[in-house]
């Protein structure tokens, strides 16, 4: 009887209503990409990308703007703790970066190389202090894609 109850509870908890989404999208900063076996390890600093009223209210409440003002370009990036999280990054994950306002696909290996250099790599500007934000799409602990976000 106890086993049947535990099995029923597990079955209910496995329903989509009680489970996290299969894929999560989060904005933040790529701190590093390092080889680990046949894949890579991503260190990622998550942040909140806020727009519209949500961005304006957060900016007023934190003293960044005065009431009645609007955040520049209608967005605010909120990153209060700069905590790095680690994700598995398959070598074949999709990576899209911006080059002169156009997107281009690059390999994970090339992203790792770009992040290590202190010099510009062609038209790419990924090194510090530029810190370009990315949209991270992942499932559980494994990255599906990284898409660089344009910021005016």
N, C-alpha and C. Protein backbone atom coordinates (compact mmCIF):
# COMPACT_ATOMS: atom_id res chain seq x y z
N UNK A 1 0.82 -1.19 0.00
CA UNK A 1 0.00 0.00 0.00
C UNK A 1 0.87 1.26 0.00
N UNK A 2 1.95 1.25 0.80
CA UNK A 2 2.84 2.41 0.86
C UNK A 2 3.52 2.61 -0.49
N UNK A 3 3.96 1.51 -1.11
CA UNK A 3 4.63 1.61 -2.40
C UNK A 3 3.68 2.17 -3.46
N UNK A 4 2.42 1.76 -3.43
CA UNK A 4 1.45 2.27 -4.40
C UNK A 4 1.24 3.77 -4.21
N UNK A 5 1.18 4.22 -2.94
CA UNK A 5 1.03 5.65 -2.65
C UNK A 5 2.23 6.44 -3.13
N UNK A 6 3.42 5.92 -2.90
CA UNK A 6 4.65 6.61 -3.34
C UNK A 6 4.69 6.67 -4.86
N UNK A 7 4.28 5.59 -5.53
CA UNK A 7 4.28 5.57 -6.98
C UNK A 7 3.26 6.58 -7.52
N UNK A 8 2.12 6.66 -6.91
CA UNK A 8 1.09 7.62 -7.35
C UNK A 8 1.59 9.06 -7.14
N UNK A 9 2.25 9.33 -6.02
CA UNK A 9 2.79 10.67 -5.76
C UNK A 9 3.86 11.01 -6.79
N UNK A 10 4.72 10.07 -7.13
CA UNK A 10 5.75 10.30 -8.13
C UNK A 10 5.12 10.58 -9.49
N UNK A 11 4.07 9.83 -9.84
CA UNK A 11 3.40 10.01 -11.12
C UNK A 11 2.79 11.40 -11.21
N UNK A 12 2.16 11.87 -10.14
CA UNK A 12 1.56 13.21 -10.13
C UNK A 12 2.65 14.27 -10.22
N UNK A 13 3.75 14.11 -9.47
CA UNK A 13 4.83 15.09 -9.48
C UNK A 13 5.53 15.15 -10.84
N UNK A 14 5.40 14.10 -11.64
CA UNK A 14 6.03 14.07 -12.96
C UNK A 14 5.18 14.74 -14.04
N UNK A 15 3.96 15.08 -13.72
CA UNK A 15 3.10 15.76 -14.69
C UNK A 15 3.67 17.13 -15.01
N UNK A 16 3.45 17.62 -16.25
CA UNK A 16 3.99 18.92 -16.65
C UNK A 16 3.61 20.05 -15.69
N UNK A 17 2.45 19.95 -15.08
CA UNK A 17 1.99 20.99 -14.15
C UNK A 17 2.91 21.11 -12.95
N UNK A 18 3.54 20.03 -12.52
CA UNK A 18 4.36 20.02 -11.32
C UNK A 18 5.86 19.94 -11.62
N UNK A 19 6.24 19.99 -12.87
CA UNK A 19 7.64 19.86 -13.25
C UNK A 19 8.14 21.16 -13.86
N UNK A 20 9.46 21.41 -13.78
CA UNK A 20 9.99 22.60 -14.44
C UNK A 20 9.87 22.45 -15.95
N UNK A 21 9.90 23.56 -16.68
CA UNK A 21 9.83 23.44 -18.14
C UNK A 21 10.99 22.61 -18.68
N UNK A 22 10.77 21.97 -19.80
CA UNK A 22 11.82 21.13 -20.39
C UNK A 22 13.02 21.96 -20.81
N UNK A 23 12.77 23.21 -21.16
CA UNK A 23 13.84 24.09 -21.59
C UNK A 23 13.65 25.46 -20.93
N UNK A 24 14.74 26.02 -20.42
CA UNK A 24 14.69 27.31 -19.74
C UNK A 24 15.55 28.29 -20.52
N UNK A 25 15.08 29.52 -20.62
CA UNK A 25 15.82 30.58 -21.28
C UNK A 25 16.15 31.63 -20.23
N UNK A 26 17.41 32.03 -20.19
CA UNK A 26 17.86 32.99 -19.18
C UNK A 26 18.88 33.93 -19.80
N UNK A 27 18.82 35.19 -19.43
CA UNK A 27 19.78 36.18 -19.90
C UNK A 27 20.95 36.26 -18.93
N UNK A 28 22.13 36.59 -19.44
CA UNK A 28 23.29 36.77 -18.57
C UNK A 28 24.57 36.91 -19.36
N UNK A 29 25.66 36.72 -18.67
CA UNK A 29 26.99 36.94 -19.25
C UNK A 29 27.82 35.67 -19.22
N UNK A 30 28.46 35.40 -20.33
CA UNK A 30 29.37 34.26 -20.42
C UNK A 30 30.69 34.68 -19.80
N UNK A 31 31.06 34.06 -18.71
CA UNK A 31 32.33 34.38 -18.04
C UNK A 31 33.47 33.58 -18.64
N UNK A 32 33.21 32.29 -18.93
CA UNK A 32 34.27 31.47 -19.52
C UNK A 32 33.67 30.23 -20.16
N UNK A 33 34.43 29.70 -21.12
CA UNK A 33 34.12 28.44 -21.77
C UNK A 33 35.43 27.66 -21.80
N UNK A 34 35.47 26.53 -21.09
CA UNK A 34 36.70 25.75 -21.01
C UNK A 34 36.45 24.31 -21.42
N UNK A 35 37.43 23.70 -22.11
CA UNK A 35 37.26 22.30 -22.52
C UNK A 35 37.14 21.38 -21.31
N UNK A 36 36.29 20.38 -21.43
CA UNK A 36 36.15 19.35 -20.40
C UNK A 36 35.81 18.06 -21.12
N UNK A 37 36.82 17.23 -21.34
CA UNK A 37 36.62 16.00 -22.10
C UNK A 37 36.30 16.34 -23.55
N UNK A 38 35.23 15.75 -24.07
CA UNK A 38 34.83 16.00 -25.45
C UNK A 38 33.87 17.18 -25.57
N UNK A 39 33.52 17.78 -24.44
CA UNK A 39 32.62 18.93 -24.46
C UNK A 39 33.30 20.11 -23.75
N UNK A 40 32.50 21.02 -23.24
CA UNK A 40 33.02 22.22 -22.59
C UNK A 40 32.26 22.48 -21.30
N UNK A 41 32.84 23.36 -20.50
CA UNK A 41 32.19 23.81 -19.28
C UNK A 41 31.95 25.31 -19.43
N UNK A 42 30.71 25.73 -19.24
CA UNK A 42 30.32 27.14 -19.33
C UNK A 42 30.16 27.70 -17.93
N UNK A 43 30.79 28.84 -17.67
CA UNK A 43 30.57 29.59 -16.43
C UNK A 43 29.74 30.80 -16.83
N UNK A 44 28.58 30.94 -16.22
CA UNK A 44 27.57 31.92 -16.65
C UNK A 44 27.08 32.75 -15.48
N UNK A 45 27.02 34.06 -15.69
CA UNK A 45 26.56 35.02 -14.68
C UNK A 45 25.15 35.46 -15.07
N UNK A 46 24.11 34.88 -14.47
CA UNK A 46 22.74 35.22 -14.86
C UNK A 46 22.35 36.63 -14.41
N UNK A 47 21.52 37.26 -15.20
CA UNK A 47 20.99 38.58 -14.89
C UNK A 47 19.54 38.63 -15.36
N UNK A 48 18.82 39.63 -14.92
CA UNK A 48 17.45 39.81 -15.38
C UNK A 48 17.43 40.88 -16.47
N UNK A 49 16.80 40.57 -17.58
CA UNK A 49 16.57 41.54 -18.65
C UNK A 49 15.15 42.05 -18.44
N UNK A 50 15.02 43.29 -18.01
CA UNK A 50 13.72 43.89 -17.71
C UNK A 50 13.37 44.93 -18.75
N UNK A 51 12.11 45.01 -19.13
CA UNK A 51 11.65 45.98 -20.12
C UNK A 51 10.41 46.69 -19.63
N UNK A 52 10.09 47.82 -20.30
CA UNK A 52 8.85 48.54 -20.06
C UNK A 52 8.65 48.96 -18.62
N UNK A 53 7.41 48.83 -18.16
CA UNK A 53 7.06 49.25 -16.81
C UNK A 53 7.86 48.52 -15.75
N UNK A 54 8.11 47.25 -15.96
CA UNK A 54 8.89 46.47 -14.99
C UNK A 54 10.28 47.08 -14.82
N UNK A 55 10.92 47.45 -15.92
CA UNK A 55 12.25 48.07 -15.87
C UNK A 55 12.18 49.44 -15.20
N UNK A 56 11.18 50.24 -15.55
CA UNK A 56 11.06 51.59 -14.99
C UNK A 56 10.82 51.56 -13.48
N UNK A 57 9.92 50.71 -13.04
CA UNK A 57 9.64 50.62 -11.60
C UNK A 57 10.87 50.13 -10.84
N UNK A 58 11.55 49.12 -11.36
CA UNK A 58 12.76 48.62 -10.69
C UNK A 58 13.83 49.71 -10.62
N UNK A 59 13.98 50.48 -11.69
CA UNK A 59 14.99 51.55 -11.72
C UNK A 59 14.64 52.66 -10.74
N UNK A 60 13.37 53.03 -10.63
CA UNK A 60 12.94 54.05 -9.67
C UNK A 60 13.17 53.55 -8.25
N UNK A 61 12.73 52.33 -7.97
CA UNK A 61 12.86 51.77 -6.62
C UNK A 61 14.31 51.61 -6.19
N UNK A 62 15.23 51.45 -7.13
CA UNK A 62 16.64 51.32 -6.77
C UNK A 62 17.39 52.64 -6.87
N UNK A 63 16.69 53.71 -7.23
CA UNK A 63 17.31 55.03 -7.28
C UNK A 63 18.10 55.31 -8.55
N UNK A 64 17.93 54.49 -9.58
CA UNK A 64 18.67 54.71 -10.83
C UNK A 64 18.07 55.83 -11.66
N UNK A 65 16.75 56.01 -11.57
CA UNK A 65 16.06 57.10 -12.26
C UNK A 65 15.04 57.70 -11.29
N UNK A 66 14.53 58.86 -11.64
CA UNK A 66 13.51 59.53 -10.83
C UNK A 66 12.13 59.11 -11.30
N UNK A 67 11.12 59.17 -10.39
CA UNK A 67 9.76 58.84 -10.81
C UNK A 67 9.35 59.68 -12.02
N UNK A 68 8.69 59.02 -12.96
CA UNK A 68 8.26 59.69 -14.18
C UNK A 68 9.26 59.57 -15.32
N UNK A 69 10.50 59.22 -15.00
CA UNK A 69 11.50 59.01 -16.05
C UNK A 69 11.41 57.58 -16.57
N UNK A 70 12.04 57.34 -17.69
CA UNK A 70 12.09 56.00 -18.27
C UNK A 70 13.54 55.56 -18.40
N UNK A 71 13.77 54.27 -18.31
CA UNK A 71 15.12 53.74 -18.50
C UNK A 71 15.52 53.93 -19.97
N UNK A 72 16.80 54.16 -20.23
CA UNK A 72 17.26 54.32 -21.61
C UNK A 72 16.97 53.06 -22.44
N UNK A 73 16.53 53.27 -23.67
CA UNK A 73 16.27 52.19 -24.63
C UNK A 73 15.22 51.19 -24.15
N UNK A 74 14.45 51.55 -23.14
CA UNK A 74 13.33 50.75 -22.62
C UNK A 74 13.74 49.39 -22.06
N UNK A 75 14.99 49.28 -21.58
CA UNK A 75 15.37 48.03 -20.91
C UNK A 75 16.35 48.33 -19.78
N UNK A 76 16.39 47.41 -18.83
CA UNK A 76 17.30 47.49 -17.69
C UNK A 76 17.84 46.10 -17.42
N UNK A 77 19.13 45.99 -17.26
CA UNK A 77 19.74 44.71 -16.89
C UNK A 77 20.01 44.76 -15.40
N UNK A 78 19.40 43.83 -14.67
CA UNK A 78 19.54 43.78 -13.22
C UNK A 78 20.42 42.58 -12.87
N UNK A 79 21.57 42.87 -12.29
CA UNK A 79 22.51 41.81 -11.93
C UNK A 79 23.11 42.16 -10.58
N UNK A 80 22.44 41.75 -9.54
CA UNK A 80 22.83 42.20 -8.20
C UNK A 80 23.95 41.39 -7.55
N UNK A 81 24.13 40.13 -7.93
CA UNK A 81 25.11 39.33 -7.17
C UNK A 81 26.30 38.81 -7.97
N UNK A 82 26.25 38.82 -9.28
CA UNK A 82 27.36 38.34 -10.13
C UNK A 82 27.83 36.93 -9.78
N UNK A 83 26.91 36.10 -9.36
CA UNK A 83 27.20 34.70 -9.03
C UNK A 83 27.35 33.91 -10.32
N UNK A 84 28.42 33.13 -10.41
CA UNK A 84 28.65 32.30 -11.58
C UNK A 84 28.09 30.90 -11.37
N UNK A 85 27.40 30.39 -12.39
CA UNK A 85 26.89 29.03 -12.38
C UNK A 85 27.56 28.24 -13.49
N UNK A 86 27.67 26.93 -13.29
CA UNK A 86 28.36 26.05 -14.23
C UNK A 86 27.34 25.19 -14.98
N UNK A 87 27.51 25.12 -16.30
CA UNK A 87 26.65 24.32 -17.16
C UNK A 87 27.52 23.44 -18.06
N UNK A 88 26.98 22.31 -18.48
CA UNK A 88 27.62 21.48 -19.50
C UNK A 88 27.33 22.14 -20.84
N UNK A 89 28.37 22.28 -21.65
CA UNK A 89 28.22 22.91 -22.95
C UNK A 89 28.73 21.95 -24.03
N UNK A 90 27.82 21.23 -24.70
CA UNK A 90 28.25 20.30 -25.74
C UNK A 90 29.00 21.04 -26.85
N UNK A 91 29.96 20.38 -27.43
CA UNK A 91 30.77 20.99 -28.50
C UNK A 91 29.91 21.37 -29.70
N UNK A 92 28.76 20.73 -29.87
CA UNK A 92 27.90 21.02 -31.02
C UNK A 92 26.72 21.95 -30.68
N UNK A 93 26.74 22.57 -29.52
CA UNK A 93 25.66 23.50 -29.16
C UNK A 93 25.67 24.68 -30.14
N UNK A 94 24.50 25.25 -30.37
CA UNK A 94 24.38 26.40 -31.26
C UNK A 94 24.86 27.66 -30.55
N UNK A 95 25.74 28.42 -31.21
CA UNK A 95 26.21 29.70 -30.68
C UNK A 95 26.04 30.74 -31.77
N UNK A 96 25.32 31.82 -31.45
CA UNK A 96 25.11 32.92 -32.38
C UNK A 96 25.68 34.18 -31.76
N UNK A 97 26.51 34.89 -32.52
CA UNK A 97 27.10 36.15 -32.05
C UNK A 97 26.75 37.25 -33.04
N UNK A 98 26.92 38.48 -32.60
CA UNK A 98 26.66 39.65 -33.43
C UNK A 98 27.94 40.15 -34.05
N UNK A 99 27.87 40.44 -35.33
CA UNK A 99 28.99 41.05 -36.04
C UNK A 99 28.39 42.19 -36.85
N UNK A 100 28.68 43.41 -36.44
CA UNK A 100 28.17 44.60 -37.14
C UNK A 100 26.66 44.52 -37.34
N UNK A 101 25.94 44.27 -36.28
CA UNK A 101 24.47 44.20 -36.25
C UNK A 101 23.87 43.03 -37.02
N UNK A 102 24.68 42.12 -37.48
CA UNK A 102 24.19 40.90 -38.13
C UNK A 102 24.59 39.71 -37.26
N UNK A 103 23.79 38.66 -37.31
CA UNK A 103 24.13 37.48 -36.53
C UNK A 103 24.92 36.50 -37.37
N UNK A 104 25.79 35.77 -36.68
CA UNK A 104 26.56 34.73 -37.36
C UNK A 104 26.75 33.58 -36.39
N UNK A 105 26.73 32.37 -36.93
CA UNK A 105 26.94 31.16 -36.12
C UNK A 105 28.43 30.90 -36.00
N UNK A 106 28.86 30.53 -34.79
CA UNK A 106 30.25 30.13 -34.58
C UNK A 106 30.25 28.85 -33.76
N UNK A 107 31.37 28.19 -33.72
CA UNK A 107 31.47 26.95 -32.94
C UNK A 107 31.74 27.29 -31.47
N UNK A 108 31.45 26.34 -30.62
CA UNK A 108 31.75 26.48 -29.20
C UNK A 108 33.26 26.65 -29.01
N UNK A 109 34.05 25.91 -29.78
CA UNK A 109 35.51 26.01 -29.68
C UNK A 109 35.97 27.43 -30.02
N UNK A 110 35.36 28.03 -31.04
CA UNK A 110 35.75 29.39 -31.42
C UNK A 110 35.31 30.40 -30.36
N UNK A 111 34.15 30.19 -29.76
CA UNK A 111 33.71 31.06 -28.67
C UNK A 111 34.71 30.99 -27.52
N UNK A 112 35.16 29.79 -27.18
CA UNK A 112 36.15 29.63 -26.11
C UNK A 112 37.42 30.40 -26.44
N UNK A 113 37.84 30.33 -27.69
CA UNK A 113 39.05 31.05 -28.12
C UNK A 113 38.84 32.57 -28.02
N UNK A 114 37.69 33.05 -28.47
CA UNK A 114 37.41 34.48 -28.42
C UNK A 114 37.40 35.02 -26.99
N UNK A 115 36.87 34.23 -26.08
CA UNK A 115 36.78 34.67 -24.69
C UNK A 115 38.13 34.72 -24.00
N UNK A 116 39.10 33.96 -24.50
CA UNK A 116 40.43 33.92 -23.88
C UNK A 116 41.34 35.05 -24.33
N UNK A 117 41.07 35.63 -25.49
CA UNK A 117 41.98 36.62 -26.02
C UNK A 117 41.71 38.00 -25.43
N UNK A 118 42.74 38.80 -25.30
CA UNK A 118 42.56 40.17 -24.83
C UNK A 118 42.53 41.14 -26.00
N UNK A 119 42.70 40.62 -27.21
CA UNK A 119 42.66 41.44 -28.42
C UNK A 119 41.37 41.17 -29.17
N UNK A 120 40.91 42.15 -29.95
CA UNK A 120 39.74 41.88 -30.78
C UNK A 120 40.05 40.78 -31.77
N UNK A 121 39.07 39.92 -32.01
CA UNK A 121 39.23 38.84 -32.98
C UNK A 121 38.36 39.20 -34.18
N UNK A 122 38.92 39.88 -35.15
CA UNK A 122 38.12 40.32 -36.28
C UNK A 122 37.08 41.32 -35.82
N UNK A 123 35.83 41.09 -36.19
CA UNK A 123 34.75 42.00 -35.80
C UNK A 123 34.10 41.62 -34.48
N UNK A 124 34.55 40.53 -33.88
CA UNK A 124 33.93 40.06 -32.65
C UNK A 124 34.41 40.89 -31.46
N UNK A 125 33.49 41.25 -30.59
CA UNK A 125 33.83 41.99 -29.38
C UNK A 125 33.26 41.26 -28.18
N UNK A 126 33.88 40.17 -27.80
CA UNK A 126 33.37 39.36 -26.70
C UNK A 126 34.23 39.49 -25.45
N UNK A 127 35.41 40.02 -25.59
CA UNK A 127 36.34 40.05 -24.47
C UNK A 127 35.93 41.13 -23.48
N UNK A 128 36.43 41.04 -22.25
CA UNK A 128 36.23 42.11 -21.27
C UNK A 128 37.02 43.31 -21.74
N UNK A 129 36.59 44.51 -21.46
CA UNK A 129 35.43 44.86 -20.64
C UNK A 129 34.12 44.95 -21.42
N UNK A 130 34.09 44.51 -22.65
CA UNK A 130 32.88 44.64 -23.45
C UNK A 130 31.71 43.85 -22.88
N UNK A 131 31.99 42.68 -22.35
CA UNK A 131 30.96 41.83 -21.73
C UNK A 131 29.61 41.91 -22.43
N UNK A 132 29.45 41.18 -23.46
CA UNK A 132 28.18 41.13 -24.17
C UNK A 132 27.29 40.08 -23.53
N UNK A 133 26.02 40.41 -23.44
CA UNK A 133 25.07 39.48 -22.85
C UNK A 133 24.60 38.44 -23.85
N UNK A 134 24.21 37.30 -23.32
CA UNK A 134 23.71 36.19 -24.13
C UNK A 134 22.41 35.67 -23.54
N UNK A 135 21.58 35.12 -24.40
CA UNK A 135 20.43 34.34 -23.97
C UNK A 135 20.88 32.89 -23.94
N UNK A 136 20.82 32.29 -22.78
CA UNK A 136 21.20 30.91 -22.55
C UNK A 136 19.94 30.06 -22.59
N UNK A 137 19.92 29.07 -23.44
CA UNK A 137 18.80 28.12 -23.51
C UNK A 137 19.35 26.79 -23.04
N UNK A 138 18.76 26.24 -21.97
CA UNK A 138 19.30 25.00 -21.42
C UNK A 138 18.19 24.10 -20.89
N UNK A 139 18.55 22.83 -20.69
CA UNK A 139 17.66 21.85 -20.10
C UNK A 139 18.44 21.18 -18.97
N UNK A 140 17.91 21.23 -17.78
CA UNK A 140 18.51 20.71 -16.55
C UNK A 140 19.86 21.40 -16.32
N UNK A 141 20.95 20.84 -16.85
CA UNK A 141 22.27 21.44 -16.66
C UNK A 141 23.06 21.52 -17.96
N UNK A 142 22.38 21.27 -19.09
CA UNK A 142 23.07 21.19 -20.37
C UNK A 142 22.58 22.28 -21.32
N UNK A 143 23.52 23.02 -21.87
CA UNK A 143 23.22 24.13 -22.77
C UNK A 143 22.76 23.60 -24.12
N UNK A 144 21.70 24.21 -24.63
CA UNK A 144 21.22 23.92 -25.98
C UNK A 144 21.73 24.98 -26.94
N UNK A 145 21.71 26.25 -26.51
CA UNK A 145 22.19 27.33 -27.38
C UNK A 145 22.54 28.56 -26.57
N UNK A 146 23.39 29.40 -27.18
CA UNK A 146 23.76 30.71 -26.67
C UNK A 146 23.55 31.71 -27.80
N UNK A 147 22.77 32.76 -27.55
CA UNK A 147 22.50 33.77 -28.56
C UNK A 147 22.84 35.14 -28.00
N UNK A 148 23.80 35.81 -28.63
CA UNK A 148 24.23 37.11 -28.14
C UNK A 148 23.11 38.15 -28.35
N UNK A 149 22.93 39.01 -27.36
CA UNK A 149 21.90 40.04 -27.37
C UNK A 149 22.48 41.37 -27.83
N UNK A 150 21.83 42.02 -28.78
CA UNK A 150 22.22 43.36 -29.18
C UNK A 150 21.87 44.33 -28.06
N UNK A 151 22.76 45.25 -27.78
CA UNK A 151 22.50 46.30 -26.79
C UNK A 151 22.92 47.62 -27.39
N UNK A 152 21.97 48.55 -27.56
CA UNK A 152 22.33 49.87 -28.11
C UNK A 152 23.25 50.64 -27.18
